[in-house]
Protein backbone atom coordinates (compact mmCIF):
# COMPACT_ATOMS: atom_id res chain seq x y z
CA MET A 1 0.00 0.00 0.00
CA SER A 2 1.23 3.49 -0.88
CA GLU A 3 2.18 5.74 2.04
CA ILE A 4 0.11 8.46 0.35
CA SER A 5 -3.18 7.30 -1.12
CA VAL A 6 -4.86 9.63 -3.62
CA THR A 7 -8.45 8.83 -4.53
CA GLN A 8 -11.45 10.71 -5.88
CA GLN A 9 -15.06 10.00 -5.08
CA HIS A 10 -17.68 12.21 -6.67
CA HIS A 11 -16.33 15.77 -6.32
CA VAL A 12 -13.94 15.12 -3.40
CA LEU A 13 -10.23 14.36 -3.75
CA SER A 14 -8.94 12.42 -0.72
CA LEU A 15 -5.29 12.44 0.37
CA GLU A 16 -4.52 9.81 3.00
CA ILE A 17 -1.28 9.52 4.99
CA ASN A 18 -0.55 5.92 5.95
CA ARG A 19 2.97 5.08 7.14
CA PRO A 20 2.45 3.19 10.40
CA SER A 21 6.07 2.01 10.64
CA ALA A 22 7.19 5.62 11.20
CA LYS A 23 4.11 7.06 12.94
CA ASN A 24 3.16 8.75 9.66
CA ALA A 25 6.42 10.74 9.48
CA ILE A 26 6.52 12.42 6.08
CA ASN A 27 9.53 11.85 3.81
CA GLN A 28 10.48 13.37 0.47
CA ALA A 29 8.62 10.73 -1.55
CA MET A 30 5.44 11.44 0.41
CA TYR A 31 5.84 15.20 -0.01
CA LYS A 32 6.21 14.62 -3.74
CA ALA A 33 3.01 12.56 -3.89
CA LEU A 34 1.09 15.20 -1.94
CA ALA A 35 2.47 18.08 -4.02
CA ASP A 36 1.76 16.25 -7.29
CA ALA A 37 -1.84 15.58 -6.26
CA LEU A 38 -2.51 19.19 -5.27
CA GLU A 39 -0.87 20.66 -8.36
CA GLU A 40 -2.46 18.24 -10.81
CA ASN A 41 -5.96 18.76 -9.44
CA GLN A 42 -5.81 22.54 -9.31
CA THR A 43 -7.42 22.68 -12.76
CA ASN A 44 -9.49 19.49 -12.46
CA THR A 45 -13.04 20.80 -12.60
CA SER A 46 -14.45 17.51 -11.29
CA VAL A 47 -12.71 18.15 -7.96
CA ARG A 48 -14.54 20.70 -5.82
CA ALA A 49 -13.00 20.00 -2.41
CA ILE A 50 -10.01 18.20 -0.92
CA LEU A 51 -9.86 15.96 2.16
CA LEU A 52 -6.57 15.41 4.01
CA TYR A 53 -6.40 12.81 6.77
CA ALA A 54 -4.24 10.04 8.24
CA GLN A 55 -4.53 6.47 9.46
CA ASN A 56 -3.22 4.73 12.59
CA GLY A 57 -4.32 7.26 15.22
CA VAL A 58 -1.51 9.73 14.42
CA PHE A 59 -1.85 12.60 11.98
CA THR A 60 1.92 12.77 11.57
CA SER A 61 4.94 12.56 13.86
CA GLY A 62 6.57 15.24 11.71
CA ASN A 63 9.24 15.41 9.07
CA ASP A 64 11.20 12.20 8.55
CA MET A 65 14.36 12.57 10.66
CA GLN A 66 16.44 10.61 8.19
CA ASP A 67 15.56 13.26 5.60
CA PHE A 68 16.62 16.00 8.01
CA LEU A 69 19.91 14.18 8.55
CA ALA A 70 20.40 13.83 4.80
CA ILE A 71 19.73 17.56 4.28
CA SER A 72 22.22 18.38 7.04
CA ASN A 73 24.76 16.42 4.99
CA GLY A 74 24.05 18.31 1.77
CA ALA A 75 20.92 16.71 0.28
CA GLN A 76 18.26 18.99 -1.19
CA ASP A 77 14.66 19.51 -0.13
CA ASN A 78 13.00 18.88 -3.47
CA HIS A 79 9.37 18.44 -2.47
CA ALA A 80 8.42 19.64 1.05
CA SER A 81 8.45 23.27 -0.07
CA ARG A 82 6.54 22.33 -3.23
CA PHE A 83 3.86 20.72 -1.11
CA ILE A 84 3.41 23.67 1.26
CA LYS A 85 3.36 26.18 -1.60
CA ALA A 86 0.78 24.04 -3.43
CA LEU A 87 -1.30 24.04 -0.24
CA ILE A 88 -1.03 27.82 0.19
CA ARG A 89 -1.87 28.51 -3.46
CA ASN A 90 -4.68 25.99 -3.75
CA LYS A 91 -7.94 27.54 -4.91
CA LYS A 92 -10.21 24.76 -3.68
CA PRO A 93 -11.45 24.29 -0.12
CA ILE A 94 -9.28 21.91 1.89
CA VAL A 95 -10.72 19.96 4.82
CA ALA A 96 -8.43 18.18 7.31
CA VAL A 97 -9.21 15.52 9.90
CA VAL A 98 -6.87 15.11 12.89
CA GLU A 99 -7.42 12.18 15.25
CA GLY A 100 -4.09 12.17 17.08
CA PRO A 101 -0.75 13.99 17.38
CA ALA A 102 0.16 16.49 14.67
CA ILE A 103 3.83 17.24 15.22
CA GLY A 104 6.03 19.75 13.39
CA ILE A 105 4.93 19.81 9.76
CA GLY A 106 1.63 18.31 10.95
CA THR A 107 0.78 21.53 12.77
CA THR A 108 2.36 23.72 10.10
CA LEU A 109 0.37 22.37 7.17
CA LEU A 110 -2.94 22.67 9.05
CA GLN A 111 -2.51 26.46 9.08
CA PHE A 112 -3.37 26.44 5.38
CA CYS A 113 -6.35 24.10 5.48
CA ASP A 114 -9.72 25.83 5.37
CA PHE A 115 -11.58 23.52 7.76
CA VAL A 116 -9.92 21.43 10.48
CA TYR A 117 -11.95 18.83 12.39
CA ILE A 118 -10.23 17.20 15.34
CA SER A 119 -10.82 14.54 17.97
CA HIS A 120 -10.17 14.79 21.71
CA HIS A 121 -6.97 12.77 21.12
CA ALA A 122 -5.51 15.44 18.84
CA LEU A 123 -2.55 17.50 20.01
CA PHE A 124 -0.28 19.96 18.27
CA LYS A 125 3.43 20.56 18.83
CA THR A 126 6.20 22.40 16.97
CA PRO A 127 9.50 21.29 18.59
CA PHE A 128 11.72 23.25 16.19
CA ALA A 129 13.97 24.95 18.75
CA GLN A 130 14.48 21.63 20.56
CA LEU A 131 15.86 20.25 17.29
CA GLY A 132 18.21 23.20 16.84
CA LEU A 133 15.90 24.61 14.15
CA CYS A 134 13.59 27.57 13.56
CA PRO A 135 9.94 27.94 12.47
CA GLU A 136 9.16 26.53 9.04
CA PHE A 137 6.81 27.18 6.13
CA ALA A 138 5.45 30.58 7.17
CA SER A 139 4.54 29.51 10.71
CA SER A 140 6.59 32.43 12.09
CA ARG A 141 4.09 34.71 10.37
CA TYR A 142 0.81 32.79 10.32
CA LEU A 143 0.58 30.81 13.55
CA ALA A 144 0.45 33.91 15.77
CA ARG A 145 -2.39 35.25 13.64
CA LEU A 146 -4.38 32.07 14.16
CA ILE A 147 -3.79 31.41 17.85
CA GLY A 148 -2.31 34.62 19.29
CA VAL A 149 1.26 35.78 19.85
CA ARG A 150 1.72 34.37 23.37
CA LYS A 151 0.66 30.83 22.51
CA ALA A 152 2.59 30.93 19.22
CA LYS A 153 5.78 31.93 21.06
CA ALA A 154 5.25 29.15 23.60
CA MET A 155 4.87 26.61 20.80
CA LEU A 156 7.57 27.85 18.42
CA MET A 157 10.20 28.70 21.05
CA LEU A 158 9.48 26.31 23.93
CA GLY A 159 7.80 23.47 22.03
CA GLU A 160 4.71 23.78 24.24
CA VAL A 161 1.80 21.50 23.32
CA MET A 162 -1.52 22.87 22.13
CA THR A 163 -4.29 20.54 23.27
CA ALA A 164 -7.40 19.72 21.29
CA GLU A 165 -9.47 21.91 23.60
CA GLU A 166 -7.04 24.82 23.21
CA ALA A 167 -7.01 24.37 19.43
CA LEU A 168 -10.78 24.80 19.34
CA GLU A 169 -10.84 27.69 21.82
CA LEU A 170 -8.05 29.58 20.01
CA GLY A 171 -9.59 29.11 16.57
CA PHE A 172 -7.00 26.71 15.15
CA ALA A 173 -9.65 23.99 14.74
CA THR A 174 -13.08 24.29 13.16
CA GLY A 175 -14.69 21.58 15.27
CA LEU A 176 -13.91 19.13 18.08
CA SER A 177 -15.86 15.90 18.46
CA HIS A 178 -15.64 12.17 19.01
CA ASN A 179 -16.10 11.59 15.27
CA PRO A 180 -14.24 14.30 13.33
CA MET A 181 -14.35 12.33 10.08
CA GLU A 182 -18.14 12.38 10.20
CA ASP A 183 -18.03 16.15 10.73
CA ALA A 184 -15.60 16.53 7.85
CA GLN A 185 -17.76 14.44 5.53
CA ALA A 186 -20.77 16.62 6.33
CA CYS A 187 -18.69 19.71 5.52
CA LEU A 188 -17.42 18.16 2.27
CA GLU A 189 -20.95 17.25 1.23
CA GLN A 190 -21.99 20.87 1.68
CA LEU A 191 -18.95 22.14 -0.21
CA ALA A 192 -19.51 19.74 -3.11
CA GLN A 193 -23.07 20.96 -3.53
CA LEU A 194 -22.22 24.66 -3.63
CA PRO A 195 -21.50 26.51 -6.90
CA PRO A 196 -17.77 25.84 -7.44
CA SER A 197 -16.89 29.20 -8.98
CA ALA A 198 -18.56 31.14 -6.19
CA LEU A 199 -16.80 28.98 -3.61
CA GLN A 200 -13.35 29.38 -5.15
CA ILE A 201 -13.77 33.12 -5.61
CA SER A 202 -14.91 33.46 -2.01
CA LYS A 203 -11.80 31.61 -0.82
CA SER A 204 -9.61 33.74 -3.07
CA MET A 205 -11.09 36.94 -1.64
CA LEU A 206 -10.22 35.74 1.86
CA VAL A 207 -6.62 34.66 1.18
CA ASP A 208 -5.25 35.86 -2.16
CA TYR A 209 -4.07 39.21 -0.84
CA GLU A 210 -1.37 37.46 1.19
CA VAL A 211 -0.65 34.24 -0.71
CA GLU A 212 2.54 35.41 -2.41
CA GLU A 213 3.76 37.07 0.79
CA LEU A 214 3.35 33.73 2.56
CA VAL A 215 5.25 31.98 -0.22
CA LYS A 216 8.07 34.52 0.17
CA THR A 217 8.07 33.85 3.90
CA VAL A 218 8.38 30.11 3.22
CA ASP A 219 11.52 30.81 1.19
CA ILE A 220 12.99 33.12 3.86
CA GLU A 221 12.33 30.60 6.64
CA ASN A 222 13.72 27.75 4.56
CA THR A 223 17.00 29.62 4.06
CA GLN A 224 17.37 29.87 7.82
CA LEU A 225 16.12 26.34 8.48
CA PHE A 226 18.46 24.66 6.00
CA HIS A 227 21.37 26.70 7.33
CA LEU A 228 20.59 25.60 10.89
CA LEU A 229 20.37 21.97 9.74
CA THR A 230 24.07 22.08 8.87
CA GLN A 231 25.07 23.43 12.29
CA PRO A 232 26.38 21.37 15.24
CA GLU A 233 23.29 22.06 17.41
CA ALA A 234 20.88 20.52 14.92
CA ARG A 235 23.23 17.63 14.17
CA GLU A 236 23.37 16.82 17.89
CA ALA A 237 19.57 17.11 18.29
CA ILE A 238 18.79 14.94 15.27
CA THR A 239 21.45 12.34 16.11
CA ALA A 240 20.17 12.18 19.70
CA PHE A 241 16.62 11.67 18.45
CA LEU A 242 17.68 8.84 16.15
CA GLU A 243 19.79 7.28 18.92
CA LYS A 244 16.87 7.67 21.39
CA ARG A 245 18.88 9.62 23.95
CA PRO A 246 18.62 13.14 25.41
CA ALA A 247 20.36 15.80 23.36
CA ASP A 248 23.34 17.53 25.04
CA PHE A 249 23.69 21.20 24.16
CA SER A 250 26.08 22.00 27.04
CA GLN A 251 29.07 22.25 24.67
CA PHE A 252 27.51 24.97 22.53
């Protein structure tokens, strides 16, 4: 089974993350599959809405650490940025379902989904500083707008968790229930029945004024992030994670 399953039923394109061996950590091949699906269906008139969800009780444990290690040794990020930019620029409504932890990129990508339905088991964490890294993919700009500056600083600098209840209260999530997929399906059914041009224009009016600024921010953050990945602090943090030991930053 593919780690990213892309299917279409009626007017809904579904993107499913399913990599149980790595707690749904997203690697370059998975980013490519997600980016390809979003880009290819941008002009597909039979697709009116997009569903993004994951299997195995975890939305994603974050970026694949082996990929981070490879980038720290000179490999290129060929597809993660493509995916986020495709998400930011997408004209069609995107609905996400989160039934467990959404770590790192899991929290970051949800910023650019239009509707986010979560379960009581959902939690959100951005442990960038703990990995010797900085905010990614426009989260330095957008997360504070969604949840407030104080909570964004706590998450992006201290790695503080945002609980499901906080996510709803702060406006990060659209709905919280015991069956978020059912809520998402009801939303998708409504979206699929609405006039598609009116829906896409309405979304554009809400977000287009800042889309290219967000894309520029992605590039600025990536320059910093990829620089930090080559530094001793990040190498120690990533190596410690892979070796399942506490990181030691006392020498820095």
